[in-house]
Every structure is written in C-alpha cells, then in structure tokens.
Protein backbone atom coordinates (compact mmCIF):
# COMPACT_ATOMS: atom_id res chain seq x y z
CA MET A 1 0.53 0.22 0.03
CA ASN A 2 3.14 2.93 0.82
CA LYS A 3 4.34 1.65 -2.63
CA VAL A 4 0.82 2.69 -4.28
CA ILE A 5 1.16 5.79 -2.34
CA LEU A 6 4.75 6.61 -3.12
CA THR A 7 3.83 5.87 -6.78
CA LEU A 8 1.01 8.48 -6.53
CA PHE A 9 2.47 11.11 -5.43
CA SER A 10 5.41 10.93 -7.39
CA ALA A 11 2.81 10.86 -10.36
CA ALA A 12 0.62 13.66 -9.32
CA LEU A 13 4.34 15.68 -8.38
CA VAL A 14 5.49 15.10 -11.37
CA GLY A 15 2.11 16.52 -13.31
CA LEU A 16 2.36 20.02 -11.10
CA CYS A 17 5.66 20.53 -12.45
CA SER A 18 5.66 20.02 -15.60
CA CYS A 19 3.11 23.04 -15.89
CA GLY A 20 3.74 26.15 -17.72
CA ASN A 21 2.98 28.94 -20.59
CA ASN A 22 6.31 29.69 -22.09
CA ALA A 23 6.19 30.69 -25.97
CA SER A 24 7.24 27.50 -26.33
CA THR A 25 7.51 24.06 -24.51
CA GLN A 26 7.76 20.82 -24.54
CA LEU A 27 4.29 19.23 -24.52
CA ASN A 28 5.19 15.90 -23.58
CA SER A 29 7.91 12.95 -23.34
CA ALA A 30 7.89 10.33 -24.76
CA SER A 31 7.23 7.15 -23.10
CA ASN A 32 8.13 3.27 -23.38
CA ALA A 33 4.21 1.88 -21.95
CA ASP A 34 0.65 3.42 -23.89
CA SER A 35 -0.74 5.96 -21.62
CA MET A 36 -4.29 5.11 -21.55
CA SER A 37 -6.61 6.32 -18.41
CA LEU A 38 -10.05 8.16 -17.48
CA SER A 39 -11.86 10.95 -19.49
CA VAL A 40 -9.57 14.12 -20.37
CA GLU A 41 -12.75 16.17 -19.19
CA THR A 42 -12.95 16.60 -14.87
CA GLN A 43 -15.57 18.71 -14.99
CA LYS A 44 -19.33 17.87 -13.88
CA PRO A 45 -21.75 17.71 -17.17
CA ASN A 46 -24.95 20.37 -16.89
CA THR A 47 -25.97 16.90 -17.79
CA ASP A 48 -27.98 13.30 -16.85
CA TYR A 49 -28.49 13.02 -20.60
CA LYS A 50 -27.59 9.20 -21.04
CA PRO A 51 -25.26 9.15 -24.10
CA ALA A 52 -26.62 6.88 -27.15
CA PHE A 53 -24.06 4.52 -27.37
CA SER A 54 -20.45 4.09 -24.93
CA GLY A 55 -18.38 5.76 -25.97
CA GLN A 56 -19.57 8.92 -27.58
CA THR A 57 -18.95 11.48 -24.36
CA ARG A 58 -16.04 10.93 -22.52
CA ILE A 59 -13.82 8.61 -24.25
CA THR A 60 -11.05 6.94 -22.37
CA ALA A 61 -7.99 9.75 -22.45
CA VAL A 62 -4.51 8.92 -24.29
CA LYS A 63 -1.53 10.11 -24.32
CA SER A 64 1.32 10.35 -27.09
CA LYS A 65 4.65 8.62 -27.06
CA THR A 66 6.59 10.43 -29.19
CA ALA A 67 8.01 13.29 -27.61
CA TYR A 68 6.48 16.99 -29.95
CA GLU A 69 6.90 20.97 -29.19
CA GLY A 70 4.61 23.55 -29.65
CA LYS A 71 6.12 26.49 -31.02
CA VAL A 72 5.23 30.13 -30.86
CA LEU A 73 6.08 31.37 -34.16
CA THR A 74 4.46 35.00 -33.61
CA ASN A 75 1.99 36.98 -31.58
CA GLU A 76 1.69 39.62 -33.97
CA LEU A 77 -1.85 38.12 -35.89
CA GLU A 78 -4.74 40.10 -35.09
CA SER A 79 -7.84 38.00 -34.08
CA PRO A 80 -6.81 35.49 -36.41
CA TRP A 81 -9.42 33.14 -38.03
CA GLY A 82 -8.67 30.65 -40.70
CA ILE A 83 -5.41 29.03 -41.90
CA THR A 84 -4.38 27.20 -45.28
CA SER A 85 -1.15 26.30 -46.99
CA LEU A 86 0.40 27.58 -50.01
CA PRO A 87 1.84 24.84 -52.39
CA ASP A 88 5.73 26.53 -51.10
CA GLY A 89 4.37 25.28 -48.19
CA ARG A 90 4.00 29.22 -46.53
CA LEU A 91 0.40 29.79 -44.60
CA LEU A 92 -2.27 32.12 -46.05
CA ILE A 93 -4.05 32.89 -43.16
CA THR A 94 -7.76 35.26 -42.50
CA GLU A 95 -7.50 37.45 -39.92
CA LYS A 96 -11.68 37.95 -38.97
CA LYS A 97 -11.71 42.35 -39.20
CA GLY A 98 -11.14 42.07 -42.49
CA THR A 99 -7.47 41.15 -44.13
CA MET A 100 -5.27 38.74 -44.77
CA ARG A 101 -2.02 37.41 -44.37
CA ILE A 102 1.11 35.32 -45.98
CA ALA A 103 2.66 33.38 -42.73
CA THR A 104 5.71 31.47 -43.28
CA THR A 105 6.81 28.87 -41.44
CA THR A 106 9.58 30.82 -39.45
CA GLY A 107 6.65 33.10 -38.12
CA THR A 108 7.62 36.53 -41.20
CA LEU A 109 4.07 38.16 -41.49
CA SER A 110 3.02 40.30 -45.02
CA GLU A 111 1.95 43.54 -45.27
CA PRO A 112 -1.95 43.07 -45.36
CA ILE A 113 -3.51 41.80 -47.96
CA THR A 114 -5.78 44.16 -50.12
CA GLY A 115 -8.83 44.19 -53.14
CA LEU A 116 -10.83 41.34 -50.08
CA LEU A 117 -14.41 42.92 -49.98
CA LYS A 118 -16.09 44.81 -46.99
CA VAL A 119 -16.78 41.64 -43.53
CA ASN A 120 -19.18 43.05 -41.74
CA ALA A 121 -16.56 42.43 -37.98
CA ASP A 122 -19.03 43.00 -36.02
CA GLY A 123 -20.51 40.00 -33.70
CA GLN A 124 -19.39 36.23 -34.24
CA GLY A 125 -18.84 37.63 -38.11
CA GLY A 126 -15.83 38.65 -39.75
CA LEU A 127 -13.66 37.87 -42.73
CA LEU A 128 -14.43 33.94 -41.98
CA GLY A 129 -12.89 30.37 -43.09
CA LEU A 130 -10.33 30.04 -46.67
CA CYS A 131 -9.85 27.60 -49.39
CA LEU A 132 -7.20 27.72 -52.03
CA ASP A 133 -8.89 26.01 -55.47
CA PRO A 134 -6.97 22.72 -56.12
CA SER A 135 -5.12 23.78 -59.46
CA PHE A 136 -3.84 27.23 -57.46
CA ALA A 137 -0.26 26.69 -58.81
CA SER A 138 -1.71 27.43 -61.77
CA ASN A 139 -4.83 29.71 -61.71
CA ARG A 140 -3.69 31.25 -58.34
CA MET A 141 -7.42 31.50 -56.56
CA VAL A 142 -8.46 31.74 -53.64
CA TYR A 143 -11.76 30.99 -51.67
CA TRP A 144 -13.11 32.56 -48.79
CA VAL A 145 -16.77 32.76 -46.38
CA PHE A 146 -17.40 36.37 -44.86
CA SER A 147 -19.65 38.51 -43.32
CA GLU A 148 -21.84 40.48 -45.46
CA LYS A 149 -24.39 43.22 -44.23
CA ARG A 150 -27.28 43.56 -46.80
CA PRO A 151 -29.78 46.02 -46.65
CA ASP A 152 -32.54 43.65 -44.95
CA GLY A 153 -30.01 41.83 -42.59
CA ASN A 154 -26.42 39.89 -42.27
CA LEU A 155 -25.54 36.37 -43.74
CA THR A 156 -22.93 34.55 -44.39
CA ALA A 157 -21.15 34.81 -47.31
CA VAL A 158 -18.76 32.93 -50.32
CA ALA A 159 -16.73 34.66 -52.83
CA LYS A 160 -13.49 33.95 -55.19
CA GLY A 161 -10.58 35.99 -56.06
CA LYS A 162 -6.86 35.87 -57.84
CA LEU A 163 -4.27 36.75 -55.20
CA SER A 164 -1.31 38.80 -57.98
CA ALA A 165 1.52 37.22 -58.78
CA ASP A 166 3.48 40.20 -56.23
CA GLU A 167 1.33 38.99 -53.15
CA LYS A 168 -0.60 42.09 -51.79
CA LYS A 169 -3.71 41.87 -53.47
CA ILE A 170 -6.42 39.68 -54.26
CA GLU A 171 -7.75 40.58 -57.65
CA GLY A 172 -11.46 40.08 -58.79
CA ALA A 173 -13.18 39.48 -55.52
CA THR A 174 -16.35 38.65 -56.61
CA VAL A 175 -19.26 36.94 -53.67
CA ILE A 176 -20.81 33.74 -55.62
CA TYR A 177 -23.25 32.49 -52.93
CA ARG A 178 -25.51 33.65 -50.04
CA ALA A 179 -27.31 31.95 -47.63
CA THR A 180 -29.87 33.69 -47.65
CA PRO A 181 -32.52 34.56 -45.67
CA ALA A 182 -30.58 37.39 -44.24
CA TYR A 183 -30.88 38.15 -40.38
CA ASP A 184 -30.04 41.02 -38.06
CA GLY A 185 -28.27 39.50 -35.90
CA ASP A 186 -24.04 39.19 -35.88
CA LEU A 187 -23.49 35.55 -34.47
CA HIS A 188 -23.88 32.02 -35.86
CA TYR A 189 -22.50 32.98 -38.79
CA GLY A 190 -20.45 28.93 -39.08
CA GLY A 191 -17.94 30.13 -41.73
CA ARG A 192 -15.19 27.50 -43.25
CA ILE A 193 -15.15 26.40 -46.61
CA LEU A 194 -13.12 23.17 -48.25
CA PHE A 195 -12.76 21.60 -51.77
CA ASP A 196 -14.16 17.94 -52.21
CA LYS A 197 -12.05 15.43 -54.57
CA ASN A 198 -15.06 16.16 -57.35
CA GLY A 199 -13.74 19.84 -56.86
CA ASN A 200 -16.86 21.27 -55.71
CA LEU A 201 -16.64 24.69 -52.14
CA ILE A 202 -18.66 22.91 -48.83
CA VAL A 203 -19.49 25.21 -47.64
CA SER A 204 -20.83 25.35 -43.65
CA THR A 205 -22.91 28.17 -42.34
CA GLY A 206 -25.32 28.61 -39.09
CA GLU A 207 -28.76 29.31 -38.23
CA ARG A 208 -27.89 32.39 -36.98
CA SER A 209 -28.26 31.56 -32.62
CA ASP A 210 -31.98 33.02 -32.08
CA LEU A 211 -35.41 31.13 -30.84
CA GLU A 212 -36.41 33.14 -34.84
CA THR A 213 -33.88 32.26 -36.46
CA ARG A 214 -33.05 28.30 -35.41
CA PRO A 215 -35.74 26.61 -36.26
CA GLN A 216 -34.32 27.28 -39.75
CA ALA A 217 -31.47 24.08 -39.57
CA GLN A 218 -34.69 21.84 -40.07
CA PHE A 219 -36.00 23.35 -43.20
CA LEU A 220 -34.98 22.90 -46.69
CA ASN A 221 -35.61 25.84 -48.37
CA SER A 222 -33.48 28.28 -46.28
CA ALA A 223 -29.55 28.17 -46.10
CA LEU A 224 -28.87 28.50 -41.99
CA GLY A 225 -27.70 26.02 -40.71
CA LYS A 226 -26.52 24.27 -43.35
CA ILE A 227 -23.18 22.35 -44.28
CA LEU A 228 -23.88 23.18 -48.63
CA ARG A 229 -22.21 21.24 -51.70
CA ILE A 230 -21.29 24.09 -54.39
CA THR A 231 -19.80 24.38 -57.56
CA THR A 232 -17.31 27.02 -58.54
CA ASP A 233 -19.21 29.50 -59.77
CA GLY A 234 -21.96 29.60 -56.12
CA LYS A 235 -24.55 26.90 -58.04
CA PRO A 236 -26.08 23.91 -56.55
CA ALA A 237 -23.54 20.73 -57.69
CA SER A 238 -24.63 17.78 -59.15
CA GLY A 239 -26.18 14.92 -57.67
CA ASN A 240 -26.90 17.18 -54.51
CA PRO A 241 -29.85 15.16 -52.15
CA PHE A 242 -32.19 17.48 -52.49
CA ALA A 243 -31.64 19.37 -56.36
CA GLY A 244 -34.92 18.21 -58.69
CA LYS A 245 -37.58 18.27 -54.94
CA ALA A 246 -40.04 21.54 -54.79
CA ASP A 247 -39.44 24.24 -52.32
CA ASN A 248 -36.52 22.68 -51.42
CA ARG A 249 -33.19 23.90 -52.06
CA ALA A 250 -30.75 22.31 -54.34
CA GLU A 251 -26.99 23.80 -52.28
CA ILE A 252 -28.16 22.09 -49.27
CA TYR A 253 -25.79 18.59 -48.25
CA SER A 254 -27.26 18.02 -44.95
CA TYR A 255 -28.96 19.88 -42.44
CA GLY A 256 -30.53 20.05 -38.38
CA HIS A 257 -26.93 21.75 -37.76
CA ARG A 258 -26.17 25.05 -34.91
CA ASN A 259 -23.30 27.00 -35.54
CA VAL A 260 -20.44 24.54 -37.53
CA GLN A 261 -16.95 25.91 -37.54
CA GLY A 262 -15.49 22.53 -38.46
CA LEU A 263 -14.45 20.64 -41.18
CA ALA A 264 -12.41 17.95 -42.74
CA LEU A 265 -11.27 15.40 -45.00
CA HIS A 266 -10.89 11.41 -43.68
CA PRO A 267 -6.80 11.31 -45.61
CA THR A 268 -8.31 7.48 -46.10
CA THR A 269 -11.71 6.95 -46.80
CA GLY A 270 -12.09 10.94 -48.42
CA ASP A 271 -15.21 10.91 -45.65
CA LEU A 272 -16.67 14.73 -44.43
CA TRP A 273 -16.02 15.61 -41.16
CA GLU A 274 -17.59 17.66 -38.73
CA ASN A 275 -17.95 19.86 -35.43
CA GLU A 276 -20.78 21.84 -34.09
CA PHE A 277 -20.95 24.20 -31.45
CA GLY A 278 -23.89 23.03 -29.33
CA PRO A 279 -24.88 25.63 -26.09
CA ARG A 280 -24.43 24.17 -22.53
CA GLY A 281 -23.46 21.67 -23.18
CA GLY A 282 -23.45 19.68 -26.25
CA ASP A 283 -20.51 19.99 -28.66
CA GLU A 284 -20.87 17.62 -31.42
CA LEU A 285 -18.67 16.10 -34.31
CA ASN A 286 -21.16 14.28 -36.97
CA ARG A 287 -19.76 12.42 -39.66
CA ILE A 288 -21.66 13.79 -43.10
CA GLU A 289 -23.68 11.68 -45.24
CA ALA A 290 -25.49 12.97 -48.06
CA GLY A 291 -29.33 14.23 -47.34
CA LYS A 292 -29.11 13.45 -43.43
CA ASN A 293 -30.34 15.52 -40.35
CA TYR A 294 -28.87 16.28 -37.49
CA GLY A 295 -30.81 16.51 -35.37
CA TRP A 296 -31.00 20.68 -34.01
CA PRO A 297 -33.01 21.97 -32.76
CA THR A 298 -35.29 18.74 -32.15
CA ILE A 299 -32.23 16.90 -30.26
CA THR A 300 -29.15 18.41 -28.16
CA TYR A 301 -27.38 16.84 -25.80
CA GLY A 302 -26.80 20.18 -24.49
CA ILE A 303 -29.53 23.25 -22.47
CA GLU A 304 -30.38 27.32 -23.29
CA TYR A 305 -27.47 29.34 -21.65
CA LYS A 306 -30.14 30.18 -18.97
CA GLY A 307 -30.12 26.52 -18.27
CA ASP A 308 -33.98 25.17 -19.55
CA LYS A 309 -34.42 22.98 -21.59
CA VAL A 310 -33.56 23.13 -25.28
CA GLY A 311 -37.47 22.50 -27.09
CA GLU A 312 -38.44 19.12 -25.87
CA GLY A 313 -35.04 17.95 -23.72
CA ILE A 314 -35.15 15.14 -26.34
CA GLN A 315 -31.69 13.78 -27.54
CA GLN A 316 -32.59 10.81 -30.14
CA LYS A 317 -35.29 10.27 -32.65
CA GLU A 318 -36.05 8.71 -35.48
CA GLY A 319 -34.91 9.64 -38.42
CA LEU A 320 -32.24 12.16 -36.33
CA GLU A 321 -28.55 11.74 -36.78
CA GLN A 322 -26.38 10.87 -33.13
CA PRO A 323 -23.78 12.35 -33.64
CA VAL A 324 -20.07 10.16 -33.86
CA TYR A 325 -19.13 12.29 -30.17
CA TYR A 326 -20.09 15.20 -27.77
CA TRP A 327 -18.12 16.78 -24.76
CA ASP A 328 -20.35 18.45 -21.93
CA PRO A 329 -19.40 20.89 -21.13
CA VAL A 330 -18.18 22.05 -23.82
CA VAL A 331 -14.66 22.69 -25.62
CA SER A 332 -16.87 24.93 -27.94
CA PRO A 333 -14.03 23.80 -31.67
CA SER A 334 -13.48 25.62 -34.64
CA GLY A 335 -11.36 25.12 -37.44
CA MET A 336 -10.50 20.98 -37.75
CA THR A 337 -7.44 18.90 -39.36
CA PHE A 338 -6.95 15.26 -40.31
CA TYR A 339 -3.33 14.41 -39.38
CA SER A 340 -1.51 12.59 -42.50
CA GLY A 341 2.10 12.87 -41.76
CA SER A 342 4.71 10.88 -41.32
CA ASP A 343 6.68 11.46 -38.22
CA ILE A 344 4.23 11.12 -36.16
CA PRO A 345 2.90 7.78 -37.27
CA GLU A 346 0.97 7.62 -33.96
CA TRP A 347 -0.96 10.33 -34.35
CA GLN A 348 -1.53 8.78 -39.01
CA ASN A 349 -6.05 9.32 -39.54
CA ASN A 350 -6.27 11.14 -35.99
CA LEU A 351 -8.59 14.34 -35.71
CA PHE A 352 -6.97 17.62 -34.48
CA LEU A 353 -9.45 20.00 -33.07
CA ALA A 354 -9.05 24.02 -32.37
CA CYS A 355 -10.97 24.26 -29.36
CA LEU A 356 -11.41 27.70 -28.26
CA SER A 357 -13.05 27.49 -24.41
CA SER A 358 -11.16 25.06 -23.57
CA MET A 359 -8.43 26.27 -24.54
CA HIS A 360 -6.80 23.61 -26.00
CA ILE A 361 -5.90 20.86 -29.14
CA ALA A 362 -8.09 18.49 -28.82
CA ARG A 363 -6.36 14.85 -30.75
CA LEU A 364 -8.86 12.15 -30.95
CA VAL A 365 -8.49 9.18 -32.55
CA ILE A 366 -11.42 7.59 -35.02
CA GLU A 367 -11.15 3.76 -35.39
CA ASN A 368 -14.11 2.87 -37.54
CA ASN A 369 -15.85 5.97 -37.31
CA LYS A 370 -15.64 6.19 -33.65
CA VAL A 371 -13.07 7.77 -31.62
CA ILE A 372 -11.67 5.50 -29.21
CA GLY A 373 -9.16 7.75 -27.52
CA GLU A 374 -8.99 11.54 -26.40
CA GLU A 375 -5.64 14.07 -25.65
CA ARG A 376 -5.53 17.70 -24.96
CA LEU A 377 -1.97 19.76 -26.24
CA LEU A 378 -0.83 23.01 -26.00
CA GLU A 379 -3.17 23.54 -22.39
CA PRO A 380 -0.39 24.92 -20.95
CA GLU A 381 -0.94 27.44 -23.50
CA HIS A 382 -4.49 29.38 -22.13
CA GLN A 383 -5.26 30.09 -25.61
CA ARG A 384 -8.16 30.59 -27.73
CA PHE A 385 -7.10 28.36 -30.28
CA ARG A 386 -9.34 28.78 -33.38
CA ASP A 387 -7.80 27.29 -36.18
CA ILE A 388 -5.69 24.51 -37.56
CA THR A 389 -4.27 22.81 -40.67
CA GLN A 390 -1.60 20.93 -41.59
CA GLY A 391 1.45 22.35 -43.67
CA LYS A 392 3.42 21.06 -46.81
CA ASP A 393 6.45 19.84 -44.02
CA GLY A 394 4.05 17.47 -41.96
CA ALA A 395 3.86 20.23 -39.22
CA LEU A 396 0.34 20.90 -37.80
CA TYR A 397 -0.29 24.74 -37.88
CA ALA A 398 -2.70 26.56 -35.45
CA ILE A 399 -3.88 30.69 -34.85
CA THR A 400 -6.05 31.59 -31.93
CA ASP A 401 -7.79 34.66 -31.05
CA GLN A 402 -4.94 35.84 -28.98
CA GLY A 403 -2.93 36.38 -32.34
CA ARG A 404 -0.59 33.74 -32.52
CA LEU A 405 0.34 31.36 -35.02
CA TYR A 406 2.13 27.99 -33.31
CA ARG A 407 3.92 25.18 -34.53
CA ILE A 408 3.76 21.82 -33.33
CA TYR A 409 6.21 18.72 -35.01
CA LYS A 410 8.06 16.09 -33.13
CA LYS A 411 11.12 16.78 -30.29
C-alpha cells in the first residue's frame, strides 16, 4: 500500500512541475508504455443525459508517446480565423476584421493583402474560413467565407478572387453565393470552406443563434444551419440530395446543424466530418452523409444558456442522426484537420480540433468511425485556438484568437 501511495504522489508531483506557459514548450515526453486513463474531462456535465451508445462522450484519455513541441512563431496576427497552406509551404491566414496575411513557417508576416470585399466584423462575424483552388499553382484562385451586411440584415457569403503575382492584393473579388435569408443579428455564421474530391466547394453555415431563426436549421428552403455543396461559380453541385425537389434548396448537402466551424475530409476514406457548437453542453462531432438530418434543434445533448431544456429536451429521435461524439461541458470546437504526416506515426488519421473556451487542441483517435481516445494538447498555453491545418512540411500549424501562430512538430 505504501508503494502505491508513493507512486501516486510522485506522479502528481511530476504533473505539477510540468505545467507552464512558455512561448515554446515541450508539451510531452516519450514513453515506452501506452498511457491511458480516465477521460480528459474532469468537470461535471451540465446535464444527466445518457449517451446513445458507449464511447459517445468522455472517452478514455490517451497520451502521445512521441515527444513533440509546440512553438510560437508569431504573436502579431490580429484575431486570425482561418489558415491554409500555399504550395510552397507558407501559410495564408484570414484575420477577422477583413484582411489576409501570408506567414512563413518561421513566423515572418506579410503586409495585409488588399482587394478583399468589406466584411461585417461585429459579433461573431468577419472574414472567416478560406481554401485554395486545387489548381492554385496555375490559377492562383482563393475562396473564402465572410459575413456580409445586406439591406435586410447580415448573412454568410462565399467569395472568390485571384491572389496577385506580387501577393499584395486579391484581384477580381466576387461574391459567388449568399446563404439567405439574411437576418439582423451577428451570431452563428458557420464559416468553414473546403474542396471535395470532385472539385466542388463544401461550405458550412450557422442558424444565426436566435430563437427566431433557430428552426430554420430544419427547413429545406433555407440555407441556415446547413452544410452546402456548390460549384466554384456558386451553383448547386451536381448530385446533391435535394436537387429537383419542390421547395427544397438544391445546394443543401445536410441539415439540422447549429453552428458548424469545423470541416475536414478523412485522408483515407474521404468521408466528410464536421464539428459544431452546442449551447451549454452538446458540442458535436459528426460524420456527414448526403441528405441526412443532424437534429438541431429537435435533439441535442446540451441545454439553453439559462439552464432550460432545448425544446422538448430529447436527445434521440427516429430519423435524426446521432453525433459520433459530443462534449458536455463544451470545448467550443472551431477549425479542425486530420493528420496524415509521417513524422508522428501514432497520429496517423487522428483528428485535431482547435478549441476555444477550453483553450486546447483536442486530439481524437478514431477507428471504424468511432472515437476511441482523446488527448488535450497545448493546454498550458491558455490560448483560444481558432483553426488548425497540416503544413506542407508535415507539421501542424494552429492560430489563436489572441494572435498567435503555433507550429506543432516532432521534437
């Protein structure tokens, strides 16, 4: 018994001594044995809701065996929101107030890129997610999402333009799609965008948060609370599930979403995954299938911010999809990416999520479309992580609301 007590005390002491908030921190150390324990979440949930299946929440904690490092490359970004890699390995980053910047992998920042369309940066709005055309090396086309002020309110808009040869401006910036109806509010714009394997754009929207607009997540004649699939000209993509159906929008790919700020394609299966914010509890991770209804606001594992049940307070209903995983209390997941690098083999096909309110990067180990382990990275940094991408060099790059750019790599 004394040996057990001594071992526990030593482990606790090591944990206390390892905490820190340095700009560059060795965030773990290699181990010869697998490290597994209880869930990474130690706080009480907001509800007593029961998960639909084992492992749907509070999965077993895991710890990376490979030593890695998180290094701050710069802290001079201004509220960055989206990040992606240029063909030469540098990083193109959006800033919420309406600018783009290019960062080198050593942290040198360009001057703000001009020529972008005006954004409404109030509340959760601004210049949001971005992606590059698959043929960017030859056509230099960039696509992005932003909140646009319209005569009848604000909405999520998608635009495209060409990065000039001198990289100082976007040429020919044009709105290609508007997620109507507009609404006089400044919350839940969604805002992520990526290309699918067929060269179409996948775009996420929010349901604009308020009770007045919330039901539109279930309406197939509204673009709110949806994942959309459109062409590079903003038209509905061929083969969408609701094409040709009366009073349904042909651009809708899936529906019943609250506020989707994370989109990623699995590097092996090609499946589309998303994450979305819950209210108090009920942040979700979903694997998206065409035409499916993901439940909001009919079912949820969260409650209203003031503590009331959402709607009927139910978590399961026939015909509505269950999340692969959910968090209660919330982590506020935003951008995410799958790891396909070779430097850290144990991370292969793991999903990394930038988390805001919980101030860490979540690593999820996924097998057979189920989460089997969770780890928290960079937690001592106390940063609101907004987006994360894998660089051309195989490292992960993450941005934070406080203006930092991190490089995460094998030590």
